[in-house]
Amino acid sequence: MSEFREIHNELKRRRAALERRLQLIADDMRRTQGPLDADSEEQAIELENAPVLDALDASGHDELAEINAALVRLSGGEFGECSECGEDIPIDRLHAMPTARTCATCTT
């Protein structure tokens, strides 16, 4: 675990930042800052943003799930092991993509 401490801390930082971002998106989707603007042009812009917010919310939740899965693998001692071939995932790959489940060879 000590060799992965930096990655563990980075995953926790990413998770916290992502949870904050998802909360802002959720607040915006529920319009907690107030109702739609009275200006019809402004309303149109706000309504056009809804699909973008939905996509950001979905991708954020996907990323959050990947981060949580990586943290579970870390705590379970399975982190850094390729889920396909069982070989160690190179540390450089894990630093670049800490949620990686496979080595570069098995990814292709």
N, C-alpha and C. Protein backbone atom coordinates (compact mmCIF):
# COMPACT_ATOMS: atom_id res chain seq x y z
N MET A 1 0.83 -1.20 0.00
CA MET A 1 0.00 0.00 0.00
C MET A 1 0.86 1.25 0.00
N SER A 2 2.02 1.19 0.65
CA SER A 2 2.86 2.40 0.75
C SER A 2 3.29 2.88 -0.63
N GLU A 3 3.50 1.96 -1.56
CA GLU A 3 3.89 2.38 -2.90
C GLU A 3 2.75 3.09 -3.63
N PHE A 4 1.52 2.87 -3.17
CA PHE A 4 0.35 3.47 -3.80
C PHE A 4 -0.23 4.63 -2.99
N ARG A 5 0.44 5.04 -1.91
CA ARG A 5 -0.10 6.09 -1.04
C ARG A 5 -0.40 7.38 -1.80
N GLU A 6 0.52 7.78 -2.67
CA GLU A 6 0.32 9.01 -3.46
C GLU A 6 -0.90 8.87 -4.37
N ILE A 7 -1.06 7.71 -4.98
CA ILE A 7 -2.21 7.47 -5.86
C ILE A 7 -3.49 7.46 -5.03
N HIS A 8 -3.44 6.84 -3.87
CA HIS A 8 -4.60 6.82 -2.97
C HIS A 8 -5.04 8.24 -2.62
N ASN A 9 -4.07 9.07 -2.25
CA ASN A 9 -4.38 10.46 -1.90
C ASN A 9 -4.94 11.22 -3.10
N GLU A 10 -4.39 10.99 -4.28
CA GLU A 10 -4.89 11.64 -5.49
C GLU A 10 -6.32 11.21 -5.79
N LEU A 11 -6.61 9.92 -5.64
CA LEU A 11 -7.97 9.44 -5.87
C LEU A 11 -8.95 10.08 -4.89
N LYS A 12 -8.55 10.23 -3.65
CA LYS A 12 -9.43 10.86 -2.66
C LYS A 12 -9.64 12.34 -2.97
N ARG A 13 -8.58 13.02 -3.45
CA ARG A 13 -8.74 14.42 -3.85
C ARG A 13 -9.69 14.54 -5.04
N ARG A 14 -9.49 13.66 -6.01
CA ARG A 14 -10.36 13.68 -7.20
C ARG A 14 -11.81 13.42 -6.81
N ARG A 15 -12.00 12.45 -5.91
CA ARG A 15 -13.36 12.12 -5.48
C ARG A 15 -14.03 13.32 -4.80
N ALA A 16 -13.30 13.97 -3.91
CA ALA A 16 -13.87 15.13 -3.20
C ALA A 16 -14.22 16.25 -4.18
N ALA A 17 -13.33 16.53 -5.13
CA ALA A 17 -13.59 17.58 -6.12
C ALA A 17 -14.78 17.21 -7.00
N LEU A 18 -14.85 15.95 -7.38
CA LEU A 18 -15.94 15.48 -8.24
C LEU A 18 -17.27 15.52 -7.48
N GLU A 19 -17.27 15.16 -6.23
CA GLU A 19 -18.50 15.22 -5.44
C GLU A 19 -19.00 16.66 -5.31
N ARG A 20 -18.06 17.61 -5.15
CA ARG A 20 -18.46 19.03 -5.11
C ARG A 20 -19.05 19.47 -6.44
N ARG A 21 -18.40 19.07 -7.53
CA ARG A 21 -18.89 19.43 -8.87
C ARG A 21 -20.26 18.82 -9.13
N LEU A 22 -20.45 17.57 -8.75
CA LEU A 22 -21.74 16.91 -8.96
C LEU A 22 -22.83 17.57 -8.12
N GLN A 23 -22.48 18.05 -6.95
CA GLN A 23 -23.47 18.75 -6.13
C GLN A 23 -23.89 20.05 -6.80
N LEU A 24 -22.94 20.77 -7.37
CA LEU A 24 -23.27 22.01 -8.08
C LEU A 24 -24.15 21.73 -9.29
N ILE A 25 -23.85 20.66 -10.00
CA ILE A 25 -24.67 20.28 -11.15
C ILE A 25 -26.08 19.93 -10.69
N ALA A 26 -26.17 19.14 -9.62
CA ALA A 26 -27.48 18.75 -9.10
C ALA A 26 -28.27 19.98 -8.66
N ASP A 27 -27.60 20.90 -7.99
CA ASP A 27 -28.26 22.13 -7.57
C ASP A 27 -28.77 22.91 -8.77
N ASP A 28 -27.96 22.99 -9.81
CA ASP A 28 -28.35 23.72 -11.01
C ASP A 28 -29.52 23.02 -11.70
N MET A 29 -29.48 21.70 -11.74
CA MET A 29 -30.55 20.95 -12.38
C MET A 29 -31.87 21.12 -11.62
N ARG A 30 -31.78 21.27 -10.31
CA ARG A 30 -32.99 21.48 -9.50
C ARG A 30 -33.32 22.96 -9.39
N ARG A 31 -32.48 23.78 -9.98
CA ARG A 31 -32.66 25.23 -9.99
C ARG A 31 -32.78 25.79 -8.57
N THR A 32 -31.83 25.39 -7.72
CA THR A 32 -31.87 25.86 -6.33
C THR A 32 -31.52 27.33 -6.23
N GLN A 33 -30.96 27.90 -7.29
CA GLN A 33 -30.67 29.33 -7.27
C GLN A 33 -31.89 30.16 -7.63
N GLY A 34 -33.01 29.53 -7.87
CA GLY A 34 -34.22 30.26 -8.19
C GLY A 34 -34.86 29.74 -9.46
N PRO A 35 -36.03 30.27 -9.79
CA PRO A 35 -36.74 29.84 -11.00
C PRO A 35 -36.04 30.32 -12.26
N LEU A 36 -36.54 29.85 -13.39
CA LEU A 36 -36.02 30.31 -14.67
C LEU A 36 -36.12 31.83 -14.76
N ASP A 37 -35.20 32.41 -15.47
CA ASP A 37 -35.19 33.85 -15.70
C ASP A 37 -36.48 34.26 -16.41
N ALA A 38 -36.97 35.44 -16.09
CA ALA A 38 -38.21 35.95 -16.70
C ALA A 38 -38.04 36.27 -18.18
N ASP A 39 -36.83 36.58 -18.59
CA ASP A 39 -36.52 36.91 -19.99
C ASP A 39 -36.62 35.62 -20.82
N SER A 40 -37.44 35.63 -21.87
CA SER A 40 -37.66 34.42 -22.66
C SER A 40 -36.39 33.95 -23.36
N GLU A 41 -35.55 34.87 -23.81
CA GLU A 41 -34.29 34.47 -24.43
C GLU A 41 -33.39 33.78 -23.41
N GLU A 42 -33.36 34.33 -22.21
CA GLU A 42 -32.55 33.75 -21.15
C GLU A 42 -33.10 32.37 -20.76
N GLN A 43 -34.41 32.23 -20.75
CA GLN A 43 -35.03 30.94 -20.46
C GLN A 43 -34.62 29.90 -21.50
N ALA A 44 -34.61 30.31 -22.75
CA ALA A 44 -34.24 29.39 -23.83
C ALA A 44 -32.81 28.90 -23.63
N ILE A 45 -31.92 29.80 -23.26
CA ILE A 45 -30.52 29.43 -23.03
C ILE A 45 -30.44 28.47 -21.84
N GLU A 46 -31.15 28.79 -20.77
CA GLU A 46 -31.12 27.93 -19.59
C GLU A 46 -31.66 26.54 -19.92
N LEU A 47 -32.72 26.46 -20.71
CA LEU A 47 -33.30 25.17 -21.07
C LEU A 47 -32.39 24.40 -22.03
N GLU A 48 -31.66 25.11 -22.90
CA GLU A 48 -30.71 24.45 -23.79
C GLU A 48 -29.57 23.81 -23.01
N ASN A 49 -29.28 24.36 -21.84
CA ASN A 49 -28.19 23.82 -21.02
C ASN A 49 -28.56 22.51 -20.33
N ALA A 50 -29.84 22.19 -20.25
CA ALA A 50 -30.28 21.00 -19.53
C ALA A 50 -29.63 19.71 -20.05
N PRO A 51 -29.58 19.46 -21.37
CA PRO A 51 -28.93 18.23 -21.83
C PRO A 51 -27.44 18.20 -21.51
N VAL A 52 -26.81 19.35 -21.52
CA VAL A 52 -25.38 19.42 -21.18
C VAL A 52 -25.19 19.05 -19.71
N LEU A 53 -26.06 19.60 -18.85
CA LEU A 53 -25.98 19.27 -17.43
C LEU A 53 -26.24 17.78 -17.20
N ASP A 54 -27.20 17.22 -17.93
CA ASP A 54 -27.47 15.78 -17.81
C ASP A 54 -26.25 14.96 -18.18
N ALA A 55 -25.59 15.33 -19.27
CA ALA A 55 -24.40 14.61 -19.72
C ALA A 55 -23.25 14.75 -18.72
N LEU A 56 -23.06 15.96 -18.20
CA LEU A 56 -22.01 16.17 -17.20
C LEU A 56 -22.30 15.37 -15.94
N ASP A 57 -23.55 15.33 -15.54
CA ASP A 57 -23.95 14.57 -14.37
C ASP A 57 -23.67 13.08 -14.57
N ALA A 58 -24.07 12.55 -15.72
CA ALA A 58 -23.87 11.13 -16.00
C ALA A 58 -22.39 10.77 -16.05
N SER A 59 -21.60 11.58 -16.76
CA SER A 59 -20.17 11.26 -16.86
C SER A 59 -19.49 11.43 -15.51
N GLY A 60 -19.94 12.40 -14.72
CA GLY A 60 -19.38 12.58 -13.39
C GLY A 60 -19.66 11.40 -12.49
N HIS A 61 -20.89 10.86 -12.57
CA HIS A 61 -21.22 9.68 -11.76
C HIS A 61 -20.45 8.45 -12.23
N ASP A 62 -20.22 8.33 -13.54
CA ASP A 62 -19.40 7.22 -14.06
C ASP A 62 -17.97 7.33 -13.52
N GLU A 63 -17.41 8.53 -13.56
CA GLU A 63 -16.06 8.74 -13.07
C GLU A 63 -15.99 8.47 -11.56
N LEU A 64 -17.00 8.90 -10.83
CA LEU A 64 -17.05 8.67 -9.39
C LEU A 64 -17.07 7.16 -9.10
N ALA A 65 -17.83 6.41 -9.87
CA ALA A 65 -17.88 4.96 -9.70
C ALA A 65 -16.51 4.33 -9.95
N GLU A 66 -15.80 4.81 -10.97
CA GLU A 66 -14.46 4.29 -11.26
C GLU A 66 -13.49 4.60 -10.13
N ILE A 67 -13.57 5.80 -9.60
CA ILE A 67 -12.70 6.18 -8.48
C ILE A 67 -13.00 5.32 -7.26
N ASN A 68 -14.27 5.15 -6.95
CA ASN A 68 -14.65 4.33 -5.80
C ASN A 68 -14.20 2.88 -5.98
N ALA A 69 -14.31 2.37 -7.19
CA ALA A 69 -13.86 1.00 -7.46
C ALA A 69 -12.35 0.88 -7.27
N ALA A 70 -11.60 1.89 -7.71
CA ALA A 70 -10.15 1.88 -7.52
C ALA A 70 -9.80 1.92 -6.04
N LEU A 71 -10.52 2.71 -5.27
CA LEU A 71 -10.28 2.78 -3.83
C LEU A 71 -10.60 1.45 -3.15
N VAL A 72 -11.62 0.76 -3.61
CA VAL A 72 -11.95 -0.57 -3.08
C VAL A 72 -10.82 -1.55 -3.42
N ARG A 73 -10.31 -1.49 -4.66
CA ARG A 73 -9.19 -2.37 -5.03
C ARG A 73 -7.97 -2.07 -4.18
N LEU A 74 -7.75 -0.79 -3.90
CA LEU A 74 -6.62 -0.41 -3.05
C LEU A 74 -6.76 -1.02 -1.66
N SER A 75 -7.93 -0.90 -1.08
CA SER A 75 -8.13 -1.41 0.28
C SER A 75 -8.15 -2.94 0.30
N GLY A 76 -8.51 -3.54 -0.82
CA GLY A 76 -8.57 -5.01 -0.90
C GLY A 76 -7.28 -5.65 -1.35
N GLY A 77 -6.27 -4.84 -1.65
CA GLY A 77 -4.99 -5.40 -2.08
C GLY A 77 -4.95 -5.85 -3.53
N GLU A 78 -5.96 -5.50 -4.30
CA GLU A 78 -6.01 -5.90 -5.72
C GLU A 78 -5.60 -4.79 -6.66
N PHE A 79 -5.31 -3.62 -6.12
CA PHE A 79 -4.96 -2.47 -6.94
C PHE A 79 -3.62 -2.72 -7.62
N GLY A 80 -3.54 -2.35 -8.88
CA GLY A 80 -2.29 -2.48 -9.62
C GLY A 80 -2.13 -3.82 -10.30
N GLU A 81 -3.15 -4.66 -10.19
CA GLU A 81 -3.12 -5.98 -10.83
C GLU A 81 -4.08 -5.96 -12.01
N CYS A 82 -3.61 -6.35 -13.17
CA CYS A 82 -4.44 -6.36 -14.37
C CYS A 82 -5.59 -7.35 -14.20
N SER A 83 -6.79 -6.90 -14.44
CA SER A 83 -7.96 -7.77 -14.28
C SER A 83 -8.07 -8.80 -15.40
N GLU A 84 -7.30 -8.64 -16.47
CA GLU A 84 -7.33 -9.58 -17.59
C GLU A 84 -6.25 -10.67 -17.47
N CYS A 85 -5.00 -10.25 -17.31
CA CYS A 85 -3.91 -11.22 -17.33
C CYS A 85 -3.31 -11.48 -15.94
N GLY A 86 -3.64 -10.65 -14.98
CA GLY A 86 -3.13 -10.84 -13.63
C GLY A 86 -1.75 -10.26 -13.37
N GLU A 87 -1.12 -9.74 -14.41
CA GLU A 87 0.20 -9.14 -14.24
C GLU A 87 0.08 -7.78 -13.56
N ASP A 88 1.20 -7.29 -13.03
CA ASP A 88 1.21 -5.96 -12.43
C ASP A 88 1.05 -4.89 -13.50
N ILE A 89 0.25 -3.89 -13.18
CA ILE A 89 0.11 -2.73 -14.06
C ILE A 89 1.28 -1.81 -13.72
N PRO A 90 2.05 -1.34 -14.71
CA PRO A 90 3.19 -0.47 -14.43
C PRO A 90 2.77 0.77 -13.65
N ILE A 91 3.60 1.13 -12.68
CA ILE A 91 3.29 2.26 -11.80
C ILE A 91 3.10 3.56 -12.59
N ASP A 92 3.85 3.73 -13.68
CA ASP A 92 3.68 4.94 -14.51
C ASP A 92 2.26 5.02 -15.07
N ARG A 93 1.73 3.88 -15.49
CA ARG A 93 0.35 3.84 -16.00
C ARG A 93 -0.63 4.19 -14.89
N LEU A 94 -0.39 3.67 -13.69
CA LEU A 94 -1.29 3.94 -12.57
C LEU A 94 -1.24 5.41 -12.15
N HIS A 95 -0.06 6.02 -12.24
CA HIS A 95 0.03 7.45 -11.94
C HIS A 95 -0.73 8.26 -12.99
N ALA A 96 -0.63 7.85 -14.24
CA ALA A 96 -1.31 8.57 -15.32
C ALA A 96 -2.82 8.30 -15.31
N MET A 97 -3.20 7.08 -14.97
CA MET A 97 -4.61 6.68 -14.98
C MET A 97 -4.87 5.80 -13.75
N PRO A 98 -5.06 6.43 -12.60
CA PRO A 98 -5.18 5.67 -11.36
C PRO A 98 -6.40 4.75 -11.28
N THR A 99 -7.34 4.90 -12.17
CA THR A 99 -8.51 4.01 -12.17
C THR A 99 -8.33 2.82 -13.12
N ALA A 100 -7.15 2.69 -13.72
CA ALA A 100 -6.90 1.62 -14.69
C ALA A 100 -7.11 0.26 -14.04
N ARG A 101 -7.80 -0.61 -14.76
CA ARG A 101 -8.04 -1.99 -14.31
C ARG A 101 -7.19 -2.98 -15.08
N THR A 102 -6.63 -2.53 -16.22
CA THR A 102 -5.86 -3.44 -17.06
C THR A 102 -4.52 -2.82 -17.42
N CYS A 103 -3.58 -3.68 -17.75
CA CYS A 103 -2.29 -3.21 -18.25
C CYS A 103 -2.49 -2.70 -19.69
N ALA A 104 -1.50 -2.02 -20.21
CA ALA A 104 -1.61 -1.46 -21.56
C ALA A 104 -1.77 -2.56 -22.60
N THR A 105 -1.12 -3.70 -22.40
CA THR A 105 -1.20 -4.79 -23.36
C THR A 105 -2.63 -5.33 -23.46
N CYS A 106 -3.28 -5.51 -22.33
CA CYS A 106 -4.64 -6.06 -22.32
C CYS A 106 -5.69 -5.04 -22.73
N THR A 107 -5.34 -3.77 -22.65
CA THR A 107 -6.28 -2.70 -23.04
C THR A 107 -6.46 -2.68 -24.54
N THR A 108 -5.41 -3.02 -25.28
CA THR A 108 -5.49 -2.96 -26.75
C THR A 108 -6.08 -4.19 -27.36
